[in-house]
Amino acid sequence: MNEEISVGWAGIGKMGAPMSRRVLEAGYRLHVYEPLPENRATIVAEGANVAHTLEDLAAKSDVVILTIPNDAVLRDLIFGKGGLASVMTSGQTLVEMSTVSPAISAEVNEAMSACGVHYLRAPVSGSTATASAGTLSVMASGPEDAYKRLDPIFGCFASRRFYVGQAEEARYLKLVLNALVGATSALLGEALTLGLKGNLSVETMLNVICESAVASPLIAYKRDLLVQRNFDPAFSVSQMMKDFDLILDAARADHIPMYMASMIRQQYETAFTEGLAEKDFFVLFEQSERRAGLLPPAEK
C-alpha cells in the first residue's frame, strides 16, 4: 500500500474516473468529491472514500487533484463558498489536470501561494482509453519539488511525464497540443475529401497515410472511426470549441496572430450549427464532404 500520501480527487468524470481508479489500484488512499452519485458510484464500490464537501476532502488529503470541465467550475471549486482556497492549508499540494486558461490558472496560483499550498498545473494529453491503460502524457509546471514528490502518482496513469517550468508553461503547452489536434481533424477531412474525388477509398488513404511521413498516433487512433464513420465522441465538437476559445483567448491576450486557428474555430462553429455538437470532433471530415457535394446536408 502507498499509504504515505493520501489523495483527494475532485471530478470523477470521463477522464477523472479511469485516472483515479489507477491511483486507487496502485494502493493509495483515495477520497473523492463528486456531486453526481452516479459518477462516483463505481470508484466508491472499488474502495474509494466519499468526501461530501471540499472541506472534508482537504481535511483527509495530502494532495488534492482536480479533473474538471472548464474555467467556471475551477473558479467555483477554488473561490466559491467553502472552496479550496479557504480550506486547504500550508504544506498541502493542489494539482489541476484539466484544460483551463493560463489566466484562471494564474489566479489560482496567487490564491494557493497565499495559503502556503503548493500548486501544480498538470494537464494531460490522451483519451479515456489511454487513461485506462495508464499511458497518458502529463505536462507539469509549478514547484519542482512538489512535482518530483508526486511523480509516482502521475506514473499510475501516465507513461510519459514532462516537467516544463515553474509557472504557466504547462497551460500553454496543452493549448499548443490542442491547437495541433483540432487542426489535424480539419486538414485531414479536406485531404480525404480530395482523395474521394479521385476515386480513392477512405481505408486505402488511411492505410497509406499511417505508413507515411505524415503518420501520427492521433490519425492512427482515429483510423477506424473514420473508416467506419462512427463519430461517437471520444472528444466532442463542443469540447473542441471550448479548447479553441481558450487558445484564441490566450493568443489575444499575448498579441499572437493565429489566422489558421481562427478559421478552424469557425469550422467547429459550423459543425455545431449543423447539429453535430456532441459528435466526435473528427466529424469535420463529413463536413468537408458536404461542402464538396459528396453528402447531403446534415440533419439537425
Protein backbone atom coordinates (compact mmCIF):
# COMPACT_ATOMS: atom_id res chain seq x y z
CA MET A 1 0.00 0.00 0.00
CA ASN A 2 1.16 3.54 -0.83
CA GLU A 3 -0.14 4.93 2.44
CA GLU A 4 2.44 7.69 2.78
CA ILE A 5 0.29 10.01 0.66
CA SER A 6 -3.48 10.38 0.96
CA VAL A 7 -5.01 11.51 -2.33
CA GLY A 8 -8.13 13.62 -2.70
CA TRP A 9 -9.80 13.76 -6.12
CA ALA A 10 -12.47 16.19 -7.30
CA GLY A 11 -14.20 15.45 -10.58
CA ILE A 12 -14.92 11.79 -11.38
CA GLY A 13 -15.96 12.20 -14.99
CA LYS A 14 -14.82 10.75 -18.31
CA MET A 15 -11.12 11.27 -17.57
CA GLY A 16 -11.20 11.54 -13.80
CA ALA A 17 -12.80 8.11 -13.37
CA PRO A 18 -10.13 5.99 -15.10
CA MET A 19 -7.28 8.14 -13.79
CA SER A 20 -8.42 7.98 -10.16
CA ARG A 21 -9.11 4.27 -10.49
CA ARG A 22 -5.49 3.61 -11.40
CA VAL A 23 -4.36 5.60 -8.36
CA LEU A 24 -6.66 3.52 -6.15
CA GLU A 25 -5.41 0.28 -7.73
CA ALA A 26 -1.83 1.35 -7.01
CA GLY A 27 -2.67 1.28 -3.30
CA TYR A 28 -3.11 4.95 -2.48
CA ARG A 29 -5.77 6.03 -0.03
CA LEU A 30 -8.30 7.81 -2.23
CA HIS A 31 -11.02 10.25 -1.22
CA VAL A 32 -13.36 11.53 -3.94
CA TYR A 33 -15.53 14.61 -4.20
CA GLU A 34 -18.10 14.27 -6.96
CA PRO A 35 -21.59 15.81 -6.67
CA LEU A 36 -23.16 13.28 -9.07
CA PRO A 37 -23.68 9.97 -7.22
CA GLU A 38 -23.82 8.01 -10.49
CA ASN A 39 -20.33 9.24 -11.41
CA ARG A 40 -18.71 8.27 -8.14
CA ALA A 41 -20.60 5.01 -7.52
CA THR A 42 -18.17 2.65 -9.24
CA ILE A 43 -14.97 4.07 -7.75
CA VAL A 44 -16.54 4.10 -4.27
CA ALA A 45 -17.61 0.46 -4.71
CA GLU A 46 -13.98 -0.33 -5.52
CA GLY A 47 -12.72 1.18 -2.27
CA ALA A 48 -12.55 4.97 -2.52
CA ASN A 49 -13.97 7.09 0.29
CA VAL A 50 -16.59 9.78 -0.30
CA ALA A 51 -15.94 13.38 0.72
CA HIS A 52 -19.24 15.26 0.79
CA THR A 53 -17.65 18.72 0.95
CA LEU A 54 -14.42 20.28 -0.23
CA GLU A 55 -13.53 20.95 3.40
CA ASP A 56 -13.88 17.23 4.12
CA LEU A 57 -11.78 16.39 1.05
CA ALA A 58 -8.99 18.77 2.08
CA ALA A 59 -9.01 17.55 5.68
CA LYS A 60 -8.43 13.94 4.58
CA SER A 61 -5.87 14.55 1.83
CA ASP A 62 -2.20 15.45 1.47
CA VAL A 63 -2.71 16.23 -2.20
CA VAL A 64 -5.93 17.28 -3.95
CA ILE A 65 -6.23 16.54 -7.68
CA LEU A 66 -8.79 18.23 -9.93
CA THR A 67 -10.14 16.92 -13.24
CA ILE A 68 -12.95 19.30 -14.13
CA PRO A 69 -14.62 20.65 -17.31
CA ASN A 70 -13.73 24.33 -17.57
CA ASP A 71 -12.65 27.65 -16.06
CA ALA A 72 -16.05 28.30 -14.47
CA VAL A 73 -16.02 25.06 -12.48
CA LEU A 74 -12.41 25.64 -11.44
CA ARG A 75 -13.25 29.14 -10.24
CA ASP A 76 -16.14 27.82 -8.17
CA LEU A 77 -14.08 24.99 -6.64
CA ILE A 78 -11.31 27.38 -5.64
CA PHE A 79 -13.05 30.66 -4.83
CA GLY A 80 -16.66 29.69 -4.12
CA LYS A 81 -18.15 29.36 -0.65
CA GLY A 82 -16.23 26.60 1.14
CA GLY A 83 -13.81 26.45 -1.80
CA LEU A 84 -10.31 25.06 -1.72
CA ALA A 85 -8.68 28.47 -1.25
CA SER A 86 -10.43 28.68 2.13
CA VAL A 87 -9.99 25.07 3.31
CA MET A 88 -6.54 23.90 2.16
CA THR A 89 -3.63 24.59 4.47
CA SER A 90 0.10 25.20 4.28
CA GLY A 91 2.13 22.21 3.11
CA GLN A 92 -0.65 20.61 1.09
CA THR A 93 -0.48 20.31 -2.70
CA LEU A 94 -3.15 21.16 -5.27
CA VAL A 95 -2.83 19.55 -8.71
CA GLU A 96 -5.09 20.82 -11.51
CA MET A 97 -5.07 18.46 -14.51
CA SER A 98 -7.73 19.93 -16.80
CA THR A 99 -7.56 22.14 -19.88
CA VAL A 100 -8.15 25.61 -18.49
CA SER A 101 -6.88 29.07 -19.36
CA PRO A 102 -3.49 30.40 -18.26
CA ALA A 103 -5.36 33.41 -16.84
CA ILE A 104 -7.54 31.47 -14.37
CA SER A 105 -4.59 29.24 -13.53
CA ALA A 106 -2.51 32.28 -12.57
CA GLU A 107 -5.35 33.43 -10.30
CA VAL A 108 -5.41 30.02 -8.62
CA ASN A 109 -1.65 30.13 -8.16
CA GLU A 110 -1.84 33.51 -6.42
CA ALA A 111 -4.57 32.32 -4.05
CA MET A 112 -2.95 28.99 -3.21
CA SER A 113 0.50 30.53 -2.73
CA ALA A 114 -1.02 32.92 -0.21
CA CYS A 115 -2.21 29.84 1.73
CA GLY A 116 1.18 28.14 1.58
CA VAL A 117 -0.25 25.45 -0.73
CA HIS A 118 1.96 24.04 -3.49
CA TYR A 119 0.18 24.39 -6.83
CA LEU A 120 0.98 22.16 -9.79
CA ARG A 121 -0.51 22.68 -13.24
CA ALA A 122 -0.50 19.20 -14.79
CA PRO A 123 -2.81 18.92 -17.83
CA VAL A 124 -2.87 15.59 -19.64
CA SER A 125 -2.82 14.54 -23.27
CA GLY A 126 -4.62 11.39 -24.33
CA SER A 127 -8.02 9.75 -24.32
CA THR A 128 -10.22 7.78 -21.95
CA ALA A 129 -8.67 4.63 -23.44
CA THR A 130 -5.11 5.75 -22.73
CA ALA A 131 -6.17 6.87 -19.25
CA SER A 132 -7.50 3.38 -18.54
CA ALA A 133 -4.30 1.85 -19.93
CA GLY A 134 -2.08 4.16 -17.89
CA THR A 135 -0.45 5.65 -20.99
CA LEU A 136 -1.45 9.32 -20.80
CA SER A 137 1.09 12.12 -21.10
CA VAL A 138 1.38 14.65 -18.28
CA MET A 139 2.85 18.13 -18.75
CA ALA A 140 3.57 19.75 -15.40
CA SER A 141 4.69 23.17 -14.24
CA GLY A 142 4.93 24.67 -10.79
CA PRO A 143 7.17 23.89 -7.81
CA GLU A 144 9.68 21.28 -8.99
CA ASP A 145 9.99 19.65 -5.57
CA ALA A 146 6.22 19.06 -5.49
CA TYR A 147 6.36 17.59 -8.99
CA LYS A 148 9.13 15.17 -8.03
CA ARG A 149 7.28 14.11 -4.89
CA LEU A 150 4.07 13.38 -6.80
CA ASP A 151 5.64 11.81 -9.89
CA PRO A 152 4.81 8.27 -8.64
CA ILE A 153 1.12 9.26 -8.56
CA PHE A 154 1.32 10.62 -12.10
CA GLY A 155 3.02 7.37 -13.06
CA CYS A 156 -0.16 5.47 -12.17
CA PHE A 157 -1.91 6.82 -15.26
CA ALA A 158 0.80 8.45 -17.40
CA SER A 159 3.68 6.66 -19.11
CA ARG A 160 5.16 9.97 -20.34
CA ARG A 161 5.70 12.82 -17.90
CA PHE A 162 7.30 16.17 -18.63
CA TYR A 163 8.28 18.92 -16.21
CA VAL A 164 8.29 22.14 -18.25
CA GLY A 165 8.66 25.10 -15.89
CA GLN A 166 7.79 26.98 -12.71
CA ALA A 167 4.66 28.88 -13.77
CA GLU A 168 2.00 28.55 -16.53
CA GLU A 169 4.20 26.77 -19.07
CA ALA A 170 2.15 23.55 -18.86
CA ARG A 171 -1.03 25.50 -19.61
CA TYR A 172 0.45 26.96 -22.77
CA LEU A 173 1.90 23.62 -23.85
CA LYS A 174 -1.51 21.96 -23.52
CA LEU A 175 -3.02 24.68 -25.72
CA VAL A 176 -0.21 24.17 -28.26
CA LEU A 177 -1.05 20.46 -28.44
CA ASN A 178 -4.78 21.04 -28.68
CA ALA A 179 -4.33 23.55 -31.49
CA LEU A 180 -2.48 20.88 -33.45
CA VAL A 181 -5.03 18.19 -32.57
CA GLY A 182 -8.00 20.30 -33.62
CA ALA A 183 -6.26 21.40 -36.80
CA THR A 184 -5.47 17.78 -37.72
CA SER A 185 -9.17 16.98 -37.95
CA ALA A 186 -9.84 19.94 -40.24
CA LEU A 187 -6.90 19.33 -42.58
CA LEU A 188 -7.34 15.56 -42.71
CA GLY A 189 -11.02 15.99 -43.54
CA GLU A 190 -10.20 18.18 -46.52
CA ALA A 191 -7.40 15.86 -47.69
CA LEU A 192 -9.58 12.74 -47.52
CA THR A 193 -12.33 14.53 -49.43
CA LEU A 194 -9.85 15.37 -52.19
CA GLY A 195 -8.90 11.68 -52.34
CA LEU A 196 -12.53 10.60 -52.54
CA LYS A 197 -12.96 12.83 -55.58
CA GLY A 198 -10.00 10.96 -57.08
CA ASN A 199 -11.76 7.59 -56.64
CA LEU A 200 -9.76 6.52 -53.57
CA SER A 201 -11.41 4.84 -50.58
CA VAL A 202 -11.00 6.21 -47.06
CA GLU A 203 -9.50 2.89 -45.99
CA THR A 204 -6.87 2.93 -48.74
CA MET A 205 -5.89 6.51 -47.99
CA LEU A 206 -5.56 5.93 -44.26
CA ASN A 207 -3.57 2.73 -44.78
CA VAL A 208 -1.00 4.74 -46.71
CA ILE A 209 -1.16 7.86 -44.51
CA CYS A 210 -0.48 5.77 -41.41
CA GLU A 211 2.70 4.40 -43.03
CA SER A 212 3.87 7.72 -44.46
CA ALA A 213 5.94 10.69 -43.32
CA VAL A 214 2.78 12.37 -42.01
CA ALA A 215 1.72 9.40 -39.86
CA SER A 216 0.77 10.29 -36.29
CA PRO A 217 -0.59 8.43 -33.26
CA LEU A 218 -3.67 10.65 -33.43
CA ILE A 219 -4.53 9.68 -37.00
CA ALA A 220 -3.84 6.02 -36.22
CA TYR A 221 -6.15 6.24 -33.20
CA LYS A 222 -8.93 7.79 -35.32
CA ARG A 223 -8.40 5.48 -38.31
CA ASP A 224 -11.20 3.01 -37.56
CA LEU A 225 -13.60 5.80 -36.59
CA LEU A 226 -13.08 7.43 -40.00
CA VAL A 227 -13.29 4.20 -41.99
CA GLN A 228 -16.45 3.07 -40.20
CA ARG A 229 -17.88 6.61 -39.99
CA ASN A 230 -18.68 6.06 -36.34
CA PHE A 231 -18.48 9.51 -34.79
CA ASP A 232 -19.45 8.55 -31.26
CA PRO A 233 -17.45 11.06 -29.23
CA ALA A 234 -14.16 10.35 -27.56
CA PHE A 235 -13.81 14.15 -27.59
CA SER A 236 -16.73 16.15 -28.93
CA VAL A 237 -17.10 19.13 -31.24
CA SER A 238 -18.39 21.22 -28.32
CA GLN A 239 -15.36 20.30 -26.22
CA MET A 240 -13.02 21.25 -29.05
CA MET A 241 -14.83 24.58 -29.42
CA LYS A 242 -14.14 25.28 -25.75
CA ASP A 243 -10.47 24.47 -26.22
CA PHE A 244 -10.14 26.67 -29.30
CA ASP A 245 -11.75 29.51 -27.36
CA LEU A 246 -9.03 29.08 -24.73
CA ILE A 247 -6.36 29.00 -27.44
CA LEU A 248 -7.63 32.17 -29.12
CA ASP A 249 -8.22 33.98 -25.82
CA ALA A 250 -4.61 33.30 -24.82
CA ALA A 251 -3.43 34.41 -28.26
CA ARG A 252 -5.37 37.68 -27.99
CA ALA A 253 -4.02 38.34 -24.51
CA ASP A 254 -0.46 37.82 -25.73
CA HIS A 255 -0.98 39.55 -29.12
CA ILE A 256 -0.25 36.44 -31.18
CA PRO A 257 -1.88 36.35 -34.65
CA MET A 258 -3.40 32.90 -35.21
CA TYR A 259 -5.10 33.02 -38.61
CA MET A 260 -5.48 29.26 -39.12
CA ALA A 261 -6.75 28.60 -35.59
CA SER A 262 -9.38 31.32 -36.06
CA MET A 263 -10.63 29.74 -39.30
CA ILE A 264 -10.67 26.25 -37.81
CA ARG A 265 -12.68 27.54 -34.85
CA GLN A 266 -15.32 28.67 -37.36
CA GLN A 267 -15.41 25.18 -38.89
CA TYR A 268 -16.29 23.78 -35.48
CA GLU A 269 -18.93 26.52 -35.12
CA THR A 270 -20.46 25.38 -38.41
CA ALA A 271 -20.48 21.78 -37.21
CA PHE A 272 -22.25 22.94 -34.06
CA THR A 273 -24.95 24.75 -36.06
CA GLU A 274 -25.41 21.59 -38.17
CA GLY A 275 -26.39 19.67 -35.04
CA LEU A 276 -23.04 17.89 -34.62
CA ALA A 277 -22.02 19.37 -31.26
CA GLU A 278 -21.85 16.03 -29.46
CA LYS A 279 -20.22 14.09 -32.30
CA ASP A 280 -16.51 13.29 -32.26
CA PHE A 281 -14.52 16.28 -33.48
CA PHE A 282 -13.23 14.28 -36.47
CA VAL A 283 -16.75 14.66 -37.88
CA LEU A 284 -15.23 17.64 -39.72
CA PHE A 285 -14.42 15.03 -42.37
CA GLU A 286 -18.12 14.70 -43.20
CA GLN A 287 -18.42 18.47 -43.13
CA SER A 288 -15.76 18.64 -45.86
CA GLU A 289 -17.63 16.01 -47.87
CA ARG A 290 -20.83 18.06 -47.70
CA ARG A 291 -19.07 21.17 -48.93
CA ALA A 292 -17.74 19.12 -51.85
CA GLY A 293 -21.21 17.80 -52.70
CA LEU A 294 -20.43 14.21 -51.68
CA LEU A 295 -23.01 14.09 -48.88
CA PRO A 296 -26.45 15.65 -48.40
CA PRO A 297 -26.89 18.42 -45.81
CA ALA A 298 -26.70 17.32 -42.17
CA GLU A 299 -29.96 16.57 -40.41
CA LYS A 300 -30.31 18.66 -37.27
